[in-house]
Amino acid sequence: MDPSVREDSLESLCNLEIKQGRPAVIDEGAAFLDRDVDSVLKDILELVQSGDLRIGDDGSVTLTANGRQEGMRVVRKHRILECFFTEMLGMEPDAASRDACVLEHDLPDEAVLKLKNLIKGCPPGKNTPCPRRGWTRTLPPTLLDIEEGTEVVVLDLMYKGRAHRLADLGILPGERIVLRRKLSNNSVVVEVKGCDIALSPEIAGMVLVEKAA
């Protein structure tokens, strides 16, 4: 399988899982990718062989730990590129997303990290003004970047489609939470309003935070 096809497939399945709150089935994956079921099934079977996916008896497609890690790497890479294009270059969101889809496969992770260091506070889904040339900005960390025992304030959520689920847990912009533990599977345990809550790595990676004053 072409590496860019693999990355696109895993990225899309991560996004679809985040959006729906559950693993996708093959038909949903085909619709999300705007492709016919047979071609998507062929790719999925290759990803199963490579250890990136598992197919359930009900037709659900579940990401393995390796597949989810790679998919979320591309999701974050796409977001940084998209933010750079809108925040720093003033591009329209649709055009920024299209260009990010192209560059996310070829641009080295090190280069994307350097772009990340130029950006700060790019609100998900919004086209923000392009700052003056020469500003140095930093993208806010997520819960995955915070050390155990740190109290943080939630700044924003990268995926608004998941906001209602996080809101039910009390995780909203402006809320103070404490990162209690990091687990061996990369999940985290946070304290919200006196209650400990476990978050999967893909969800924790969507919560933008800053250290509490």
N, C-alpha and C. Protein backbone atom coordinates (compact mmCIF):
# COMPACT_ATOMS: atom_id res chain seq x y z
N MET A 1 0.85 -1.20 0.00
CA MET A 1 0.00 0.00 0.00
C MET A 1 0.88 1.25 0.00
N ASP A 2 0.48 2.21 -0.83
CA ASP A 2 1.21 3.48 -0.86
C ASP A 2 1.14 4.14 0.51
N PRO A 3 2.27 4.65 1.02
CA PRO A 3 2.28 5.25 2.36
C PRO A 3 1.26 6.38 2.53
N SER A 4 1.05 7.19 1.50
CA SER A 4 0.09 8.29 1.63
C SER A 4 -1.34 7.77 1.73
N VAL A 5 -1.64 6.65 1.04
CA VAL A 5 -2.97 6.04 1.13
C VAL A 5 -3.18 5.49 2.54
N ARG A 6 -2.14 4.87 3.09
CA ARG A 6 -2.22 4.35 4.46
C ARG A 6 -2.49 5.48 5.45
N GLU A 7 -1.73 6.58 5.31
CA GLU A 7 -1.90 7.70 6.24
C GLU A 7 -3.28 8.31 6.11
N ASP A 8 -3.75 8.49 4.87
CA ASP A 8 -5.08 9.06 4.65
C ASP A 8 -6.16 8.18 5.28
N SER A 9 -6.03 6.87 5.09
CA SER A 9 -7.04 5.95 5.61
C SER A 9 -7.09 5.97 7.13
N LEU A 10 -5.91 5.91 7.77
CA LEU A 10 -5.87 5.90 9.23
C LEU A 10 -6.31 7.24 9.80
N GLU A 11 -5.92 8.33 9.15
CA GLU A 11 -6.36 9.66 9.58
C GLU A 11 -7.88 9.78 9.52
N SER A 12 -8.46 9.31 8.41
CA SER A 12 -9.92 9.40 8.24
C SER A 12 -10.65 8.55 9.26
N LEU A 13 -10.13 7.36 9.53
CA LEU A 13 -10.79 6.49 10.51
C LEU A 13 -10.69 7.08 11.91
N CYS A 14 -9.57 7.73 12.23
CA CYS A 14 -9.45 8.41 13.53
C CYS A 14 -10.47 9.54 13.62
N ASN A 15 -10.56 10.35 12.58
CA ASN A 15 -11.52 11.47 12.58
C ASN A 15 -12.95 10.97 12.69
N LEU A 16 -13.26 9.89 11.97
CA LEU A 16 -14.62 9.35 12.00
C LEU A 16 -14.95 8.77 13.37
N GLU A 17 -13.97 8.10 13.98
CA GLU A 17 -14.18 7.53 15.32
C GLU A 17 -14.40 8.63 16.35
N ILE A 18 -13.63 9.71 16.23
CA ILE A 18 -13.79 10.84 17.14
C ILE A 18 -15.16 11.49 16.95
N LYS A 19 -15.55 11.65 15.70
CA LYS A 19 -16.82 12.30 15.39
C LYS A 19 -18.01 11.49 15.91
N GLN A 20 -17.94 10.16 15.75
CA GLN A 20 -19.09 9.31 16.11
C GLN A 20 -19.03 8.80 17.54
N GLY A 21 -17.83 8.80 18.12
CA GLY A 21 -17.69 8.26 19.46
C GLY A 21 -17.66 6.75 19.52
N ARG A 22 -17.40 6.12 18.38
CA ARG A 22 -17.34 4.66 18.29
C ARG A 22 -16.61 4.27 17.01
N PRO A 23 -16.13 3.00 16.91
CA PRO A 23 -15.48 2.57 15.67
C PRO A 23 -16.47 2.63 14.50
N ALA A 24 -15.96 2.94 13.33
CA ALA A 24 -16.79 3.00 12.13
C ALA A 24 -17.02 1.61 11.56
N VAL A 25 -18.07 1.45 10.76
CA VAL A 25 -18.26 0.25 9.96
C VAL A 25 -17.79 0.58 8.54
N ILE A 26 -17.61 -0.44 7.74
CA ILE A 26 -16.99 -0.25 6.42
C ILE A 26 -17.80 0.71 5.56
N ASP A 27 -19.12 0.58 5.55
CA ASP A 27 -19.95 1.48 4.73
C ASP A 27 -19.77 2.94 5.14
N GLU A 28 -19.66 3.19 6.45
CA GLU A 28 -19.47 4.57 6.93
C GLU A 28 -18.11 5.10 6.50
N GLY A 29 -17.10 4.24 6.55
CA GLY A 29 -15.77 4.65 6.12
C GLY A 29 -15.75 5.02 4.65
N ALA A 30 -16.45 4.24 3.82
CA ALA A 30 -16.52 4.53 2.39
C ALA A 30 -17.23 5.86 2.14
N ALA A 31 -18.33 6.09 2.85
CA ALA A 31 -19.07 7.34 2.68
C ALA A 31 -18.24 8.53 3.14
N PHE A 32 -17.52 8.36 4.25
CA PHE A 32 -16.69 9.45 4.78
C PHE A 32 -15.58 9.81 3.80
N LEU A 33 -15.02 8.79 3.12
CA LEU A 33 -13.93 9.01 2.16
C LEU A 33 -14.45 9.33 0.77
N ASP A 34 -15.77 9.24 0.59
CA ASP A 34 -16.40 9.48 -0.72
C ASP A 34 -15.83 8.53 -1.77
N ARG A 35 -15.74 7.25 -1.39
CA ARG A 35 -15.25 6.22 -2.30
C ARG A 35 -16.19 5.03 -2.28
N ASP A 36 -16.07 4.15 -3.29
CA ASP A 36 -16.94 2.98 -3.32
C ASP A 36 -16.47 1.96 -2.28
N VAL A 37 -17.42 1.15 -1.83
CA VAL A 37 -17.16 0.22 -0.72
C VAL A 37 -16.07 -0.79 -1.08
N ASP A 38 -16.07 -1.29 -2.33
CA ASP A 38 -15.10 -2.33 -2.71
C ASP A 38 -13.66 -1.82 -2.61
N SER A 39 -13.41 -0.59 -3.06
CA SER A 39 -12.04 -0.07 -3.01
C SER A 39 -11.60 0.20 -1.57
N VAL A 40 -12.54 0.67 -0.75
CA VAL A 40 -12.22 0.92 0.66
C VAL A 40 -11.97 -0.39 1.38
N LEU A 41 -12.77 -1.41 1.07
CA LEU A 41 -12.60 -2.72 1.71
C LEU A 41 -11.23 -3.30 1.37
N LYS A 42 -10.79 -3.12 0.14
CA LYS A 42 -9.46 -3.60 -0.26
C LYS A 42 -8.38 -2.95 0.60
N ASP A 43 -8.47 -1.63 0.78
CA ASP A 43 -7.48 -0.94 1.61
C ASP A 43 -7.56 -1.39 3.06
N ILE A 44 -8.77 -1.57 3.56
CA ILE A 44 -8.94 -1.98 4.96
C ILE A 44 -8.32 -3.35 5.19
N LEU A 45 -8.51 -4.27 4.25
CA LEU A 45 -7.94 -5.61 4.40
C LEU A 45 -6.41 -5.55 4.43
N GLU A 46 -5.83 -4.64 3.63
CA GLU A 46 -4.38 -4.47 3.68
C GLU A 46 -3.94 -3.91 5.02
N LEU A 47 -4.73 -2.99 5.57
CA LEU A 47 -4.39 -2.40 6.87
C LEU A 47 -4.57 -3.42 7.99
N VAL A 48 -5.47 -4.35 7.82
CA VAL A 48 -5.60 -5.45 8.79
C VAL A 48 -4.34 -6.31 8.75
N GLN A 49 -3.88 -6.61 7.54
CA GLN A 49 -2.67 -7.44 7.41
C GLN A 49 -1.44 -6.74 7.98
N SER A 50 -1.40 -5.42 7.88
CA SER A 50 -0.25 -4.69 8.40
C SER A 50 -0.33 -4.45 9.90
N GLY A 51 -1.45 -4.86 10.52
CA GLY A 51 -1.60 -4.72 11.97
C GLY A 51 -2.14 -3.39 12.43
N ASP A 52 -2.69 -2.60 11.49
CA ASP A 52 -3.22 -1.29 11.85
C ASP A 52 -4.69 -1.32 12.24
N LEU A 53 -5.43 -2.34 11.77
CA LEU A 53 -6.87 -2.42 12.01
C LEU A 53 -7.29 -3.82 12.39
N ARG A 54 -8.48 -3.90 13.00
CA ARG A 54 -9.16 -5.16 13.23
C ARG A 54 -10.59 -5.01 12.73
N ILE A 55 -11.15 -6.06 12.12
CA ILE A 55 -12.54 -6.04 11.67
C ILE A 55 -13.35 -6.94 12.58
N GLY A 56 -14.42 -6.39 13.17
CA GLY A 56 -15.27 -7.16 14.06
C GLY A 56 -16.31 -7.96 13.31
N ASP A 57 -16.96 -8.87 14.01
CA ASP A 57 -18.00 -9.70 13.39
C ASP A 57 -19.17 -8.86 12.88
N ASP A 58 -19.36 -7.68 13.47
CA ASP A 58 -20.44 -6.79 13.06
C ASP A 58 -20.03 -5.84 11.93
N GLY A 59 -18.81 -6.01 11.40
CA GLY A 59 -18.34 -5.16 10.32
C GLY A 59 -17.67 -3.88 10.81
N SER A 60 -17.53 -3.75 12.12
CA SER A 60 -16.87 -2.55 12.65
C SER A 60 -15.37 -2.61 12.38
N VAL A 61 -14.77 -1.46 12.19
CA VAL A 61 -13.34 -1.35 11.91
C VAL A 61 -12.69 -0.65 13.09
N THR A 62 -11.89 -1.39 13.85
CA THR A 62 -11.27 -0.86 15.06
C THR A 62 -9.78 -0.65 14.83
N LEU A 63 -9.32 0.52 15.18
CA LEU A 63 -7.89 0.82 15.08
C LEU A 63 -7.12 0.10 16.17
N THR A 64 -6.00 -0.51 15.81
CA THR A 64 -5.10 -1.06 16.81
C THR A 64 -4.32 0.09 17.44
N ALA A 65 -3.55 -0.22 18.47
CA ALA A 65 -2.74 0.82 19.11
C ALA A 65 -1.79 1.44 18.10
N ASN A 66 -1.19 0.62 17.26
CA ASN A 66 -0.26 1.12 16.26
C ASN A 66 -0.97 1.97 15.21
N GLY A 67 -2.15 1.50 14.75
CA GLY A 67 -2.91 2.24 13.76
C GLY A 67 -3.41 3.56 14.29
N ARG A 68 -3.87 3.57 15.55
CA ARG A 68 -4.37 4.81 16.14
C ARG A 68 -3.23 5.81 16.34
N GLN A 69 -2.08 5.33 16.78
CA GLN A 69 -0.94 6.23 16.98
C GLN A 69 -0.54 6.90 15.66
N GLU A 70 -0.50 6.13 14.59
CA GLU A 70 -0.12 6.69 13.29
C GLU A 70 -1.21 7.64 12.77
N GLY A 71 -2.47 7.22 12.93
CA GLY A 71 -3.57 8.06 12.47
C GLY A 71 -3.61 9.39 13.20
N MET A 72 -3.43 9.37 14.51
CA MET A 72 -3.47 10.61 15.28
C MET A 72 -2.25 11.48 14.99
N ARG A 73 -1.13 10.86 14.63
CA ARG A 73 0.05 11.65 14.23
C ARG A 73 -0.29 12.48 12.99
N VAL A 74 -1.00 11.87 12.05
CA VAL A 74 -1.37 12.59 10.82
C VAL A 74 -2.45 13.63 11.12
N VAL A 75 -3.39 13.28 12.01
CA VAL A 75 -4.43 14.25 12.39
C VAL A 75 -3.79 15.51 12.96
N ARG A 76 -2.84 15.35 13.87
CA ARG A 76 -2.19 16.51 14.49
C ARG A 76 -1.36 17.28 13.46
N LYS A 77 -0.69 16.53 12.57
CA LYS A 77 0.11 17.16 11.53
C LYS A 77 -0.77 18.00 10.61
N HIS A 78 -1.91 17.44 10.22
CA HIS A 78 -2.87 18.17 9.37
C HIS A 78 -3.34 19.43 10.07
N ARG A 79 -3.65 19.31 11.36
CA ARG A 79 -4.17 20.47 12.09
C ARG A 79 -3.13 21.59 12.18
N ILE A 80 -1.87 21.23 12.44
CA ILE A 80 -0.83 22.25 12.54
C ILE A 80 -0.68 22.97 11.19
N LEU A 81 -0.66 22.20 10.10
CA LEU A 81 -0.55 22.81 8.78
C LEU A 81 -1.75 23.71 8.49
N GLU A 82 -2.94 23.22 8.81
CA GLU A 82 -4.16 23.99 8.56
C GLU A 82 -4.14 25.29 9.37
N CYS A 83 -3.72 25.19 10.61
CA CYS A 83 -3.63 26.38 11.46
C CYS A 83 -2.59 27.37 10.91
N PHE A 84 -1.47 26.85 10.45
CA PHE A 84 -0.45 27.73 9.89
C PHE A 84 -0.99 28.49 8.69
N PHE A 85 -1.71 27.79 7.82
CA PHE A 85 -2.23 28.44 6.61
C PHE A 85 -3.28 29.51 6.94
N THR A 86 -4.14 29.24 7.92
CA THR A 86 -5.17 30.21 8.26
C THR A 86 -4.64 31.30 9.17
N GLU A 87 -3.86 30.91 10.20
CA GLU A 87 -3.39 31.86 11.21
C GLU A 87 -2.29 32.77 10.69
N MET A 88 -1.35 32.18 9.97
CA MET A 88 -0.18 32.94 9.55
C MET A 88 -0.29 33.50 8.14
N LEU A 89 -1.01 32.78 7.26
CA LEU A 89 -1.10 33.21 5.86
C LEU A 89 -2.45 33.80 5.50
N GLY A 90 -3.43 33.69 6.40
CA GLY A 90 -4.73 34.28 6.15
C GLY A 90 -5.56 33.55 5.10
N MET A 91 -5.28 32.26 4.87
CA MET A 91 -6.03 31.51 3.87
C MET A 91 -7.42 31.16 4.38
N GLU A 92 -8.35 30.93 3.46
CA GLU A 92 -9.68 30.46 3.82
C GLU A 92 -9.59 29.03 4.33
N PRO A 93 -10.44 28.64 5.29
CA PRO A 93 -10.34 27.29 5.89
C PRO A 93 -10.40 26.15 4.89
N ASP A 94 -11.30 26.23 3.90
CA ASP A 94 -11.42 25.13 2.94
C ASP A 94 -10.13 24.95 2.14
N ALA A 95 -9.57 26.06 1.68
CA ALA A 95 -8.32 25.99 0.92
C ALA A 95 -7.18 25.51 1.81
N ALA A 96 -7.16 25.96 3.06
CA ALA A 96 -6.11 25.55 4.00
C ALA A 96 -6.18 24.05 4.24
N SER A 97 -7.39 23.52 4.37
CA SER A 97 -7.56 22.08 4.61
C SER A 97 -7.10 21.27 3.41
N ARG A 98 -7.43 21.74 2.20
CA ARG A 98 -7.01 21.02 0.98
C ARG A 98 -5.49 20.99 0.87
N ASP A 99 -4.85 22.13 1.11
CA ASP A 99 -3.40 22.18 1.00
C ASP A 99 -2.73 21.35 2.10
N ALA A 100 -3.33 21.34 3.28
CA ALA A 100 -2.78 20.53 4.37
C ALA A 100 -2.83 19.05 4.01
N CYS A 101 -3.91 18.63 3.33
CA CYS A 101 -4.05 17.23 2.92
C CYS A 101 -2.92 16.82 1.98
N VAL A 102 -2.48 17.76 1.14
CA VAL A 102 -1.41 17.47 0.19
C VAL A 102 -0.06 17.42 0.89
N LEU A 103 0.22 18.40 1.73
CA LEU A 103 1.55 18.54 2.32
C LEU A 103 1.80 17.61 3.51
N GLU A 104 0.73 17.14 4.16
CA GLU A 104 0.92 16.35 5.37
C GLU A 104 1.70 15.06 5.11
N HIS A 105 1.70 14.58 3.85
CA HIS A 105 2.40 13.33 3.54
C HIS A 105 3.87 13.55 3.22
N ASP A 106 4.21 14.72 2.73
CA ASP A 106 5.58 14.96 2.24
C ASP A 106 6.43 15.81 3.16
N LEU A 107 5.80 16.65 3.95
CA LEU A 107 6.57 17.55 4.82
C LEU A 107 7.07 16.78 6.04
N PRO A 108 8.37 16.82 6.32
CA PRO A 108 8.91 16.08 7.48
C PRO A 108 8.30 16.56 8.80
N ASP A 109 8.21 15.64 9.76
CA ASP A 109 7.67 15.99 11.07
C ASP A 109 8.45 17.14 11.71
N GLU A 110 9.77 17.17 11.48
CA GLU A 110 10.59 18.23 12.07
C GLU A 110 10.18 19.60 11.55
N ALA A 111 9.86 19.66 10.24
CA ALA A 111 9.42 20.93 9.65
C ALA A 111 8.07 21.37 10.21
N VAL A 112 7.17 20.39 10.40
CA VAL A 112 5.86 20.71 10.95
C VAL A 112 6.01 21.20 12.39
N LEU A 113 6.94 20.60 13.13
CA LEU A 113 7.18 21.05 14.51
C LEU A 113 7.65 22.49 14.53
N LYS A 114 8.47 22.88 13.58
CA LYS A 114 8.92 24.27 13.51
C LYS A 114 7.75 25.20 13.20
N LEU A 115 6.82 24.75 12.36
CA LEU A 115 5.63 25.56 12.08
C LEU A 115 4.78 25.69 13.34
N LYS A 116 4.71 24.61 14.10
CA LYS A 116 3.93 24.63 15.34
C LYS A 116 4.42 25.72 16.27
N ASN A 117 5.72 25.94 16.28
CA ASN A 117 6.29 26.94 17.18
C ASN A 117 6.00 28.37 16.75
N LEU A 118 5.42 28.54 15.55
CA LEU A 118 5.06 29.87 15.08
C LEU A 118 3.58 30.20 15.34
N ILE A 119 2.87 29.24 15.86
CA ILE A 119 1.42 29.38 15.96
C ILE A 119 0.98 29.37 17.43
N LYS A 120 -0.08 30.09 17.70
CA LYS A 120 -0.69 30.01 19.03
C LYS A 120 -2.18 30.27 18.92
N GLY A 121 -2.95 29.43 19.61
CA GLY A 121 -4.37 29.71 19.77
C GLY A 121 -5.17 29.76 18.49
N CYS A 122 -4.94 28.83 17.56
CA CYS A 122 -5.75 28.80 16.35
C CYS A 122 -7.06 28.12 16.67
N PRO A 123 -8.20 28.83 16.81
CA PRO A 123 -9.45 28.20 17.21
C PRO A 123 -9.94 27.22 16.17
N PRO A 124 -10.32 25.98 16.57
CA PRO A 124 -10.77 24.99 15.62
C PRO A 124 -11.95 25.50 14.78
N GLY A 125 -11.86 25.33 13.47
CA GLY A 125 -12.97 25.65 12.60
C GLY A 125 -13.16 27.13 12.34
N LYS A 126 -12.24 27.98 12.77
CA LYS A 126 -12.40 29.42 12.58
C LYS A 126 -11.24 29.98 11.77
N ASN A 127 -11.53 30.95 10.94
CA ASN A 127 -10.49 31.61 10.17
C ASN A 127 -10.06 32.86 10.93
N THR A 128 -8.90 32.82 11.53
CA THR A 128 -8.43 33.93 12.36
C THR A 128 -7.54 34.85 11.54
N PRO A 129 -7.42 36.13 11.93
CA PRO A 129 -6.61 37.07 11.16
C PRO A 129 -5.15 36.63 11.11
N CYS A 130 -4.53 36.96 10.02
CA CYS A 130 -3.10 36.66 9.87
C CYS A 130 -2.30 37.66 10.69
N PRO A 131 -1.48 37.22 11.64
CA PRO A 131 -0.71 38.15 12.46
C PRO A 131 0.39 38.83 11.66
N ARG A 132 0.91 39.89 12.20
CA ARG A 132 1.98 40.62 11.53
C ARG A 132 3.22 39.74 11.42
N ARG A 133 3.91 39.90 10.31
CA ARG A 133 5.14 39.13 10.11
C ARG A 133 6.13 39.47 11.23
N GLY A 134 6.76 38.40 11.73
CA GLY A 134 7.74 38.61 12.79
C GLY A 134 7.24 38.17 14.15
N TRP A 135 5.91 37.93 14.27
CA TRP A 135 5.40 37.43 15.55
C TRP A 135 5.87 35.98 15.71
N THR A 136 6.25 35.63 16.91
CA THR A 136 6.57 34.25 17.24
C THR A 136 5.48 33.72 18.16
N ARG A 137 4.83 32.62 17.73
CA ARG A 137 3.67 32.14 18.46
C ARG A 137 3.84 30.64 18.73
N THR A 138 3.14 30.11 19.71
CA THR A 138 3.28 28.72 20.11
C THR A 138 1.91 28.08 20.24
N LEU A 139 1.71 26.93 19.59
CA LEU A 139 0.45 26.22 19.69
C LEU A 139 0.26 25.70 21.11
N PRO A 140 -0.90 25.88 21.72
CA PRO A 140 -1.12 25.40 23.08
C PRO A 140 -0.93 23.90 23.18
N PRO A 141 -0.45 23.41 24.31
CA PRO A 141 -0.30 21.96 24.49
C PRO A 141 -1.66 21.29 24.68
N THR A 142 -1.68 19.98 24.55
CA THR A 142 -2.87 19.19 24.86
C THR A 142 -2.62 18.44 26.17
N LEU A 143 -3.61 17.72 26.62
CA LEU A 143 -3.46 16.94 27.85
C LEU A 143 -2.36 15.89 27.74
N LEU A 144 -2.04 15.47 26.51
CA LEU A 144 -0.97 14.49 26.33
C LEU A 144 0.40 15.08 26.61
N ASP A 145 0.51 16.41 26.56
CA ASP A 145 1.80 17.07 26.73
C ASP A 145 2.07 17.49 28.18
N ILE A 146 1.09 17.31 29.05
CA ILE A 146 1.18 17.82 30.43
C ILE A 146 1.72 16.75 31.37
N GLU A 147 2.51 17.19 32.35
CA GLU A 147 3.07 16.26 33.32
C GLU A 147 2.05 15.92 34.40
N GLU A 148 2.21 14.76 35.00
CA GLU A 148 1.34 14.32 36.08
C GLU A 148 1.36 15.33 37.23
N GLY A 149 0.19 15.54 37.83
CA GLY A 149 0.08 16.43 38.96
C GLY A 149 -0.10 17.90 38.60
N THR A 150 -0.15 18.20 37.30
CA THR A 150 -0.27 19.60 36.86
C THR A 150 -1.73 20.03 36.77
N GLU A 151 -2.03 21.21 37.32
CA GLU A 151 -3.37 21.78 37.16
C GLU A 151 -3.36 22.67 35.91
N VAL A 152 -4.39 22.50 35.08
CA VAL A 152 -4.46 23.25 33.82
C VAL A 152 -5.85 23.85 33.66
N VAL A 153 -5.94 24.78 32.73
CA VAL A 153 -7.23 25.37 32.34
C VAL A 153 -7.49 24.97 30.89
N VAL A 154 -8.69 24.48 30.62
CA VAL A 154 -9.05 24.08 29.26
C VAL A 154 -9.22 25.34 28.40
N LEU A 155 -8.49 25.40 27.27
CA LEU A 155 -8.59 26.54 26.36
C LEU A 155 -9.63 26.30 25.27
N ASP A 156 -9.59 25.12 24.67
CA ASP A 156 -10.51 24.83 23.57
C ASP A 156 -10.47 23.34 23.27
N LEU A 157 -11.38 22.89 22.42
CA LEU A 157 -11.45 21.50 21.97
C LEU A 157 -11.25 21.49 20.47
N MET A 158 -10.33 20.63 20.00
CA MET A 158 -10.02 20.63 18.58
C MET A 158 -11.20 20.16 17.73
N TYR A 159 -12.00 19.23 18.24
CA TYR A 159 -13.11 18.69 17.46
C TYR A 159 -14.41 19.01 18.15
N LYS A 160 -15.15 19.96 17.58
CA LYS A 160 -16.40 20.40 18.19
C LYS A 160 -17.45 19.30 18.24
N GLY A 161 -17.35 18.31 17.33
CA GLY A 161 -18.32 17.23 17.33
C GLY A 161 -18.27 16.40 18.59
N ARG A 162 -17.16 16.45 19.29
CA ARG A 162 -17.01 15.67 20.53
C ARG A 162 -17.31 16.52 21.76
N ALA A 163 -17.60 17.80 21.55
CA ALA A 163 -17.73 18.72 22.68
C ALA A 163 -18.86 18.33 23.63
N HIS A 164 -19.98 17.84 23.08
CA HIS A 164 -21.11 17.52 23.97
C HIS A 164 -20.77 16.38 24.91
N ARG A 165 -19.96 15.41 24.46
CA ARG A 165 -19.57 14.30 25.33
C ARG A 165 -18.63 14.79 26.43
N LEU A 166 -17.67 15.64 26.04
CA LEU A 166 -16.76 16.18 27.04
C LEU A 166 -17.48 17.12 27.99
N ALA A 167 -18.50 17.84 27.48
CA ALA A 167 -19.27 18.73 28.34
C ALA A 167 -19.99 17.93 29.43
N ASP A 168 -20.47 16.74 29.08
CA ASP A 168 -21.13 15.89 30.07
C ASP A 168 -20.18 15.49 31.19
N LEU A 169 -18.88 15.48 30.88
CA LEU A 169 -17.86 15.14 31.88
C LEU A 169 -17.35 16.38 32.61
N GLY A 170 -17.84 17.56 32.21
CA GLY A 170 -17.39 18.80 32.84
C GLY A 170 -16.15 19.38 32.23
N ILE A 171 -15.71 18.84 31.07
CA ILE A 171 -14.50 19.34 30.42
C ILE A 171 -14.93 20.36 29.37
N LEU A 172 -14.83 21.62 29.74
CA LEU A 172 -15.27 22.73 28.90
C LEU A 172 -14.22 23.83 28.93
N PRO A 173 -14.16 24.68 27.90
CA PRO A 173 -13.23 25.82 27.95
C PRO A 173 -13.44 26.64 29.22
N GLY A 174 -12.32 26.94 29.89
CA GLY A 174 -12.37 27.70 31.13
C GLY A 174 -12.35 26.85 32.38
N GLU A 175 -12.62 25.54 32.23
CA GLU A 175 -12.65 24.65 33.39
C GLU A 175 -11.24 24.30 33.85
N ARG A 176 -11.02 24.29 35.17
CA ARG A 176 -9.74 23.86 35.74
C ARG A 176 -9.79 22.35 35.99
N ILE A 177 -8.77 21.66 35.53
CA ILE A 177 -8.68 20.22 35.76
C ILE A 177 -7.24 19.88 36.14
N VAL A 178 -7.07 18.72 36.76
CA VAL A 178 -5.74 18.27 37.19
C VAL A 178 -5.44 16.94 36.50
N LEU A 179 -4.27 16.83 35.89
CA LEU A 179 -3.85 15.57 35.30
C LEU A 179 -3.25 14.71 36.40
N ARG A 180 -3.97 13.69 36.78
CA ARG A 180 -3.55 12.85 37.91
C ARG A 180 -2.52 11.80 37.50
N ARG A 181 -2.82 11.05 36.42
CA ARG A 181 -1.93 9.94 36.04
C ARG A 181 -1.89 9.79 34.53
N LYS A 182 -0.75 9.29 34.04
CA LYS A 182 -0.62 8.84 32.66
C LYS A 182 -0.49 7.32 32.69
N LEU A 183 -1.33 6.63 31.95
CA LEU A 183 -1.37 5.18 31.97
C LEU A 183 -0.47 4.59 30.89
N SER A 184 -0.19 3.29 31.00
CA SER A 184 0.74 2.64 30.09
C SER A 184 0.24 2.62 28.65
N ASN A 185 -1.08 2.68 28.45
CA ASN A 185 -1.63 2.68 27.08
C ASN A 185 -1.80 4.09 26.52
N ASN A 186 -1.15 5.06 27.18
CA ASN A 186 -1.18 6.48 26.78
C ASN A 186 -2.48 7.19 27.13
N SER A 187 -3.41 6.49 27.79
CA SER A 187 -4.58 7.18 28.32
C SER A 187 -4.17 8.03 29.51
N VAL A 188 -5.02 8.97 29.90
CA VAL A 188 -4.72 9.81 31.06
C VAL A 188 -5.92 9.81 32.01
N VAL A 189 -5.63 10.07 33.26
CA VAL A 189 -6.69 10.21 34.27
C VAL A 189 -6.64 11.65 34.76
N VAL A 190 -7.77 12.34 34.64
CA VAL A 190 -7.85 13.73 35.06
C VAL A 190 -8.90 13.87 36.17
N GLU A 191 -8.68 14.87 37.01
CA GLU A 191 -9.67 15.19 38.05
C GLU A 191 -10.48 16.39 37.57
N VAL A 192 -11.79 16.20 37.48
CA VAL A 192 -12.70 17.25 37.05
C VAL A 192 -13.80 17.38 38.10
N LYS A 193 -13.89 18.55 38.72
CA LYS A 193 -14.91 18.80 39.73
C LYS A 193 -14.90 17.72 40.82
N GLY A 194 -13.69 17.32 41.24
CA GLY A 194 -13.53 16.36 42.33
C GLY A 194 -13.65 14.91 41.93
N CYS A 195 -13.88 14.60 40.64
CA CYS A 195 -14.03 13.23 40.17
C CYS A 195 -12.89 12.87 39.22
N ASP A 196 -12.39 11.65 39.34
CA ASP A 196 -11.35 11.16 38.44
C ASP A 196 -12.00 10.56 37.20
N ILE A 197 -11.51 10.96 36.02
CA ILE A 197 -12.06 10.51 34.75
C ILE A 197 -10.91 10.06 33.86
N ALA A 198 -11.06 8.87 33.25
CA ALA A 198 -10.05 8.37 32.32
C ALA A 198 -10.41 8.80 30.90
N LEU A 199 -9.42 9.30 30.16
CA LEU A 199 -9.61 9.72 28.77
C LEU A 199 -8.65 8.96 27.87
N SER A 200 -9.16 8.48 26.75
CA SER A 200 -8.31 7.79 25.79
C SER A 200 -7.32 8.78 25.18
N PRO A 201 -6.18 8.30 24.63
CA PRO A 201 -5.18 9.23 24.09
C PRO A 201 -5.70 10.09 22.95
N GLU A 202 -6.61 9.52 22.11
CA GLU A 202 -7.12 10.35 21.00
C GLU A 202 -8.01 11.48 21.49
N ILE A 203 -8.72 11.26 22.62
CA ILE A 203 -9.55 12.33 23.18
C ILE A 203 -8.69 13.33 23.94
N ALA A 204 -7.75 12.83 24.74
CA ALA A 204 -6.86 13.72 25.49
C ALA A 204 -6.07 14.62 24.54
N GLY A 205 -5.73 14.10 23.36
CA GLY A 205 -4.97 14.87 22.40
C GLY A 205 -5.78 15.97 21.72
N MET A 206 -7.09 15.99 21.95
CA MET A 206 -7.95 17.00 21.36
C MET A 206 -8.24 18.16 22.29
N VAL A 207 -7.81 18.06 23.57
CA VAL A 207 -8.12 19.08 24.57
C VAL A 207 -6.94 20.02 24.73
N LEU A 208 -7.10 21.24 24.25
CA LEU A 208 -6.04 22.25 24.34
C LEU A 208 -6.08 22.92 25.72
N VAL A 209 -4.91 23.02 26.36
CA VAL A 209 -4.87 23.52 27.75
C VAL A 209 -3.71 24.47 27.94
N GLU A 210 -3.74 25.16 29.08
CA GLU A 210 -2.58 25.91 29.55
C GLU A 210 -2.47 25.70 31.04
N LYS A 211 -1.27 25.85 31.59
CA LYS A 211 -1.07 25.68 33.02
C LYS A 211 -1.85 26.74 33.78
N ALA A 212 -2.49 26.30 34.86
CA ALA A 212 -3.26 27.24 35.67
C ALA A 212 -2.34 28.21 36.38
N ALA A 213 -2.79 29.43 36.52
CA ALA A 213 -2.00 30.46 37.21
C ALA A 213 -1.98 30.19 38.69
